[in-house]
N, C-alpha and C. Protein backbone atom coordinates (compact mmCIF):
# COMPACT_ATOMS: atom_id res chain seq x y z
N MET A 1 4.79 -11.67 -5.11
CA MET A 1 4.14 -10.56 -4.20
C MET A 1 2.66 -11.08 -3.75
N ARG A 2 2.33 -11.13 -2.61
CA ARG A 2 0.77 -11.37 -2.61
C ARG A 2 0.19 -10.33 -1.75
N ILE A 3 -0.99 -10.22 -2.14
CA ILE A 3 -2.04 -8.88 -1.84
C ILE A 3 -3.16 -9.67 -0.91
N GLU A 4 -3.19 -9.18 0.13
CA GLU A 4 -3.93 -9.42 1.20
C GLU A 4 -5.01 -8.49 1.39
N ASP A 5 -6.50 -8.69 1.33
CA ASP A 5 -7.32 -7.60 1.53
C ASP A 5 -7.92 -7.99 2.93
N LEU A 6 -7.84 -6.82 3.76
CA LEU A 6 -8.00 -6.77 5.12
C LEU A 6 -8.78 -5.51 5.63
N GLU A 7 -9.43 -5.83 6.71
CA GLU A 7 -9.95 -4.45 7.47
C GLU A 7 -8.76 -3.59 8.03
N LEU A 8 -9.00 -2.50 8.43
CA LEU A 8 -8.05 -1.49 8.72
C LEU A 8 -7.09 -2.33 10.08
N ALA A 9 -8.00 -2.52 11.13
CA ALA A 9 -7.38 -2.92 12.34
C ALA A 9 -6.69 -4.31 12.22
N ASP A 10 -7.01 -5.18 11.24
CA ASP A 10 -6.10 -6.43 10.94
C ASP A 10 -4.97 -5.78 10.15
N ALA A 11 -5.21 -5.01 9.09
CA ALA A 11 -3.97 -4.67 8.24
C ALA A 11 -2.74 -3.95 9.13
N MET A 12 -3.34 -3.22 10.12
CA MET A 12 -2.17 -2.34 11.04
C MET A 12 -1.71 -3.45 11.85
N GLU A 13 -2.27 -4.35 12.30
CA GLU A 13 -1.87 -5.42 13.26
C GLU A 13 -0.53 -6.27 12.28
N ARG A 14 -1.09 -6.52 11.27
CA ARG A 14 -0.08 -7.45 10.32
C ARG A 14 1.11 -6.16 9.97
N CYS A 15 0.66 -5.10 9.60
CA CYS A 15 2.13 -4.46 9.30
C CYS A 15 3.11 -4.18 10.43
N LYS A 16 2.64 -3.84 11.78
CA LYS A 16 3.33 -3.88 12.93
C LYS A 16 4.02 -5.14 13.18
N ASN A 17 3.45 -6.23 13.07
CA ASN A 17 4.16 -7.39 13.42
C ASN A 17 5.03 -8.04 12.39
N SER A 18 5.13 -7.34 11.22
CA SER A 18 5.91 -7.82 10.33
C SER A 18 7.10 -7.82 10.34
N SER A 19 8.13 -8.92 10.01
CA SER A 19 9.41 -9.11 10.22
C SER A 19 10.23 -8.54 8.96
N GLY A 20 9.64 -8.36 8.06
CA GLY A 20 10.35 -7.82 6.58
C GLY A 20 9.46 -6.41 6.42
N GLN A 21 9.54 -6.09 4.93
CA GLN A 21 8.83 -4.87 4.51
C GLN A 21 7.51 -5.19 4.10
N ALA A 22 6.45 -4.18 4.54
CA ALA A 22 5.07 -4.49 4.11
C ALA A 22 4.68 -3.06 3.47
N LEU A 23 3.51 -3.17 2.76
CA LEU A 23 2.93 -2.11 2.36
C LEU A 23 1.59 -1.91 2.79
N LEU A 24 1.08 -1.11 3.19
CA LEU A 24 -0.44 -0.98 3.92
C LEU A 24 -0.97 0.09 2.80
N TYR A 25 -1.89 -0.23 1.95
CA TYR A 25 -2.51 0.32 0.62
C TYR A 25 -3.88 0.43 0.94
N PHE A 26 -4.33 1.62 0.71
CA PHE A 26 -5.64 1.99 0.90
C PHE A 26 -6.20 2.61 -0.27
N TYR A 27 -7.43 1.71 -0.71
CA TYR A 27 -7.88 2.12 -2.11
C TYR A 27 -9.43 2.15 -2.08
N ASN A 28 -10.08 2.13 -3.34
CA ASN A 28 -11.36 2.29 -3.45
C ASN A 28 -11.61 1.35 -4.82
N PRO A 29 -11.99 0.33 -4.99
CA PRO A 29 -12.13 -0.25 -6.16
C PRO A 29 -12.92 0.35 -7.34
N SER A 30 -13.60 1.30 -7.12
CA SER A 30 -14.47 2.17 -8.27
C SER A 30 -13.78 3.28 -8.81
N LEU A 31 -12.61 3.44 -8.34
CA LEU A 31 -11.72 4.58 -8.66
C LEU A 31 -10.58 4.15 -9.99
N SER A 32 -10.58 4.85 -10.73
CA SER A 32 -9.57 4.58 -11.82
C SER A 32 -8.26 4.73 -11.45
N GLY A 33 -7.83 5.53 -10.68
CA GLY A 33 -6.43 5.57 -10.12
C GLY A 33 -6.13 4.25 -9.31
N CYS A 34 -7.04 3.93 -8.40
CA CYS A 34 -6.93 2.65 -7.80
C CYS A 34 -6.59 1.32 -8.71
N LEU A 35 -7.64 1.32 -9.62
CA LEU A 35 -7.41 0.12 -10.59
C LEU A 35 -6.19 0.42 -11.30
N ALA A 36 -5.55 1.53 -11.66
CA ALA A 36 -4.36 1.59 -12.33
C ALA A 36 -3.17 1.01 -11.54
N PHE A 37 -3.27 1.57 -10.18
CA PHE A 37 -2.34 1.28 -9.21
C PHE A 37 -2.25 -0.29 -8.94
N ALA A 38 -3.52 -1.16 -9.03
CA ALA A 38 -3.64 -2.55 -9.14
C ALA A 38 -2.94 -3.13 -10.10
N ARG A 39 -2.92 -2.74 -11.30
CA ARG A 39 -2.34 -3.13 -12.56
C ARG A 39 -0.82 -2.98 -12.50
N LEU A 40 -0.44 -2.03 -12.04
CA LEU A 40 0.94 -1.76 -11.80
C LEU A 40 1.59 -2.62 -10.66
N LEU A 41 0.72 -2.85 -9.65
CA LEU A 41 1.24 -3.91 -8.59
C LEU A 41 1.44 -5.37 -9.47
N ALA A 42 0.46 -5.48 -10.13
CA ALA A 42 0.50 -6.94 -11.04
C ALA A 42 1.56 -7.06 -12.00
N GLU A 43 2.22 -5.90 -12.30
CA GLU A 43 3.26 -5.78 -13.28
C GLU A 43 4.62 -6.02 -12.52
N MET A 44 4.59 -5.96 -11.32
CA MET A 44 6.03 -5.92 -10.43
C MET A 44 6.63 -7.26 -10.69
N LYS A 45 7.86 -7.27 -10.64
CA LYS A 45 8.53 -8.76 -10.51
C LYS A 45 8.38 -9.29 -9.21
N GLU A 46 8.69 -10.68 -9.09
CA GLU A 46 8.57 -10.91 -7.85
C GLU A 46 9.32 -10.25 -6.51
N SER A 47 8.66 -10.32 -5.56
CA SER A 47 9.28 -9.49 -4.46
C SER A 47 8.65 -9.96 -3.11
N SER A 48 9.59 -9.81 -2.02
CA SER A 48 9.12 -10.35 -0.70
C SER A 48 8.30 -9.33 -0.07
N LEU A 49 8.07 -8.22 -0.50
CA LEU A 49 7.16 -7.17 -0.15
C LEU A 49 5.56 -7.59 0.45
N GLN A 50 5.32 -7.70 1.42
CA GLN A 50 4.03 -8.07 1.94
C GLN A 50 3.13 -6.81 1.69
N VAL A 51 1.90 -7.13 1.05
CA VAL A 51 0.95 -6.00 0.45
C VAL A 51 -0.26 -6.25 1.48
N PHE A 52 -0.77 -5.50 2.09
CA PHE A 52 -2.15 -5.39 2.77
C PHE A 52 -2.83 -4.48 2.15
N ARG A 53 -4.20 -4.82 1.76
CA ARG A 53 -4.83 -3.70 1.15
C ARG A 53 -6.31 -3.75 1.75
N VAL A 54 -6.71 -2.35 2.03
CA VAL A 54 -7.71 -1.80 2.84
C VAL A 54 -8.88 -1.22 1.92
N ASP A 55 -9.85 -1.76 1.53
CA ASP A 55 -11.08 -0.96 0.91
C ASP A 55 -11.88 0.14 1.62
N VAL A 56 -11.50 1.18 1.60
CA VAL A 56 -12.03 2.39 2.02
C VAL A 56 -13.66 2.55 2.16
N SER A 57 -14.16 1.86 0.89
CA SER A 57 -15.66 2.00 0.63
C SER A 57 -16.42 0.89 1.75
N LEU A 58 -15.53 0.11 2.10
CA LEU A 58 -16.30 -0.82 3.19
C LEU A 58 -16.30 -0.28 4.67
N GLU A 59 -15.16 0.74 4.96
CA GLU A 59 -15.38 1.22 6.06
C GLU A 59 -15.63 2.81 6.09
N PRO A 60 -16.86 3.16 6.28
CA PRO A 60 -17.14 4.73 6.11
C PRO A 60 -16.17 5.66 7.06
N GLU A 61 -15.81 5.39 8.00
CA GLU A 61 -14.95 6.09 8.94
C GLU A 61 -13.42 6.42 7.96
N LEU A 62 -13.19 5.58 7.09
CA LEU A 62 -11.98 5.93 6.25
C LEU A 62 -12.23 6.53 5.19
N GLN A 63 -13.52 6.76 4.52
CA GLN A 63 -13.65 7.66 3.53
C GLN A 63 -13.49 9.24 3.76
N VAL A 64 -13.78 9.45 5.12
CA VAL A 64 -13.50 11.08 5.48
C VAL A 64 -11.91 11.04 5.58
N LYS A 65 -11.21 10.10 5.98
CA LYS A 65 -9.79 10.14 6.54
C LYS A 65 -8.99 9.92 4.82
N PHE A 66 -9.51 9.40 4.05
CA PHE A 66 -8.80 8.99 2.78
C PHE A 66 -9.97 9.64 1.67
N PRO A 67 -10.08 10.91 1.28
CA PRO A 67 -10.91 11.22 0.10
C PRO A 67 -10.46 10.84 -1.17
N ALA A 68 -11.32 10.71 -2.18
CA ALA A 68 -11.04 9.85 -3.19
C ALA A 68 -9.75 10.56 -4.15
N GLN A 69 -9.46 11.80 -3.96
CA GLN A 69 -8.49 12.25 -4.87
C GLN A 69 -7.09 12.10 -3.93
N GLU A 70 -7.21 11.36 -3.05
CA GLU A 70 -5.86 11.01 -2.17
C GLU A 70 -5.67 9.55 -2.42
N LEU A 71 -6.58 8.80 -2.98
CA LEU A 71 -6.51 7.45 -3.15
C LEU A 71 -5.90 6.94 -4.39
N PRO A 72 -5.05 5.88 -4.72
CA PRO A 72 -4.49 5.18 -3.47
C PRO A 72 -3.57 5.73 -2.72
N ALA A 73 -3.52 5.32 -1.34
CA ALA A 73 -2.46 5.92 -0.51
C ALA A 73 -1.75 4.79 0.05
N LEU A 74 -0.45 4.87 -0.12
CA LEU A 74 0.41 3.82 0.48
C LEU A 74 1.43 4.22 1.44
N TYR A 75 1.42 3.30 2.33
CA TYR A 75 2.40 3.38 3.52
C TYR A 75 3.20 2.27 3.64
N PHE A 76 4.47 2.50 3.72
CA PHE A 76 5.67 1.52 3.77
C PHE A 76 6.03 1.32 5.10
N PHE A 77 6.18 -0.11 5.68
CA PHE A 77 6.67 -0.43 6.82
C PHE A 77 8.04 -1.40 6.72
N SER A 78 9.01 -1.18 7.57
CA SER A 78 10.04 -2.02 7.75
C SER A 78 10.19 -2.59 9.02
N GLN A 79 10.23 -3.99 9.44
CA GLN A 79 10.54 -4.46 10.59
C GLN A 79 9.32 -3.74 11.41
N GLY A 80 8.24 -3.61 11.15
CA GLY A 80 6.83 -3.34 11.97
C GLY A 80 7.15 -1.73 12.17
N LEU A 81 7.79 -1.05 11.38
CA LEU A 81 8.16 0.52 11.69
C LEU A 81 7.66 1.17 10.48
N PRO A 82 6.62 2.49 10.66
CA PRO A 82 6.34 3.02 9.52
C PRO A 82 7.59 3.82 8.82
N MET A 83 7.88 3.79 7.68
CA MET A 83 8.87 4.29 6.98
C MET A 83 8.66 5.60 6.07
N GLY A 84 7.23 5.35 5.57
CA GLY A 84 7.12 6.51 4.66
C GLY A 84 5.99 6.38 3.87
N ARG A 85 5.16 7.46 3.24
CA ARG A 85 3.93 7.46 2.58
C ARG A 85 4.17 8.02 1.41
N LYS A 86 3.33 7.52 0.51
CA LYS A 86 3.40 8.13 -0.94
C LYS A 86 2.01 7.88 -1.74
N PRO A 87 1.55 8.82 -2.20
CA PRO A 87 -0.15 8.93 -2.73
C PRO A 87 -0.10 7.79 -3.83
N VAL A 88 0.56 7.97 -4.96
CA VAL A 88 0.56 7.32 -6.26
C VAL A 88 1.46 7.37 -6.96
N PHE A 89 1.90 6.03 -7.93
CA PHE A 89 3.04 6.12 -8.80
C PHE A 89 2.32 5.97 -10.30
N GLN A 90 3.03 6.37 -11.26
CA GLN A 90 2.81 6.06 -12.65
C GLN A 90 3.11 5.10 -13.36
N THR A 91 4.29 4.45 -12.53
CA THR A 91 5.27 3.48 -13.34
C THR A 91 5.51 2.42 -12.43
N VAL A 92 6.03 1.35 -12.78
CA VAL A 92 6.54 0.45 -12.02
C VAL A 92 7.91 0.59 -11.47
N SER A 93 8.71 1.11 -12.56
CA SER A 93 10.14 1.67 -11.96
C SER A 93 10.09 2.72 -11.01
N GLU A 94 8.82 3.72 -11.25
CA GLU A 94 8.95 4.79 -10.23
C GLU A 94 8.80 4.06 -8.61
N PHE A 95 7.84 3.12 -8.81
CA PHE A 95 7.34 2.26 -7.49
C PHE A 95 8.45 1.67 -6.94
N GLU A 96 9.36 0.74 -7.81
CA GLU A 96 10.41 0.32 -7.43
C GLU A 96 11.55 1.16 -6.63
N SER A 97 11.81 2.03 -7.47
CA SER A 97 12.82 3.24 -7.11
C SER A 97 12.31 3.65 -5.73
N TRP A 98 11.13 4.03 -5.25
CA TRP A 98 10.73 4.50 -4.30
C TRP A 98 10.82 3.50 -3.05
N LEU A 99 10.67 1.92 -3.32
CA LEU A 99 10.79 1.06 -2.41
C LEU A 99 12.26 0.99 -2.26
N LYS A 100 13.22 0.98 -3.18
CA LYS A 100 14.61 0.80 -2.84
C LYS A 100 15.23 1.98 -1.97
N PHE A 101 14.56 2.87 -2.14
CA PHE A 101 14.99 4.23 -1.41
C PHE A 101 14.71 4.15 -0.10
N LEU A 102 13.45 3.55 0.24
CA LEU A 102 13.05 3.45 1.48
C LEU A 102 14.06 2.06 2.29
N GLU A 103 14.09 1.15 1.46
CA GLU A 103 14.82 0.04 1.85
C GLU A 103 16.30 0.45 2.29
N GLY A 104 17.07 1.42 1.67
CA GLY A 104 18.25 2.14 2.10
C GLY A 104 18.13 2.77 3.38
N LEU A 105 16.95 3.12 3.64
CA LEU A 105 16.77 3.86 5.16
C LEU A 105 16.73 2.94 6.22
N CYS A 106 16.29 1.78 5.87
CA CYS A 106 15.96 0.84 6.95
C CYS A 106 17.41 0.13 7.57
């Protein structure tokens, strides 16, 4: 799994043009919940999931849309279509179960 740091416009474009599965992930690097999710992603086994990360602290308009208590915010895309949203996961297995559920909907 590769995580790419992008601005919102670029991340949305990449998700919409994805031919596979993608995760759009909003975070603030100063928040402990976001750091915990970053560690969770690092623990994941090899995956073809594309991860596009947007730092809301660099885009002030996003700080209003995504307040700290709602971060990290995750959006799953399949074949360029949004399939689901989830705020946070506590374990790798919980995250992988959510991904499998969404893949089953595709």
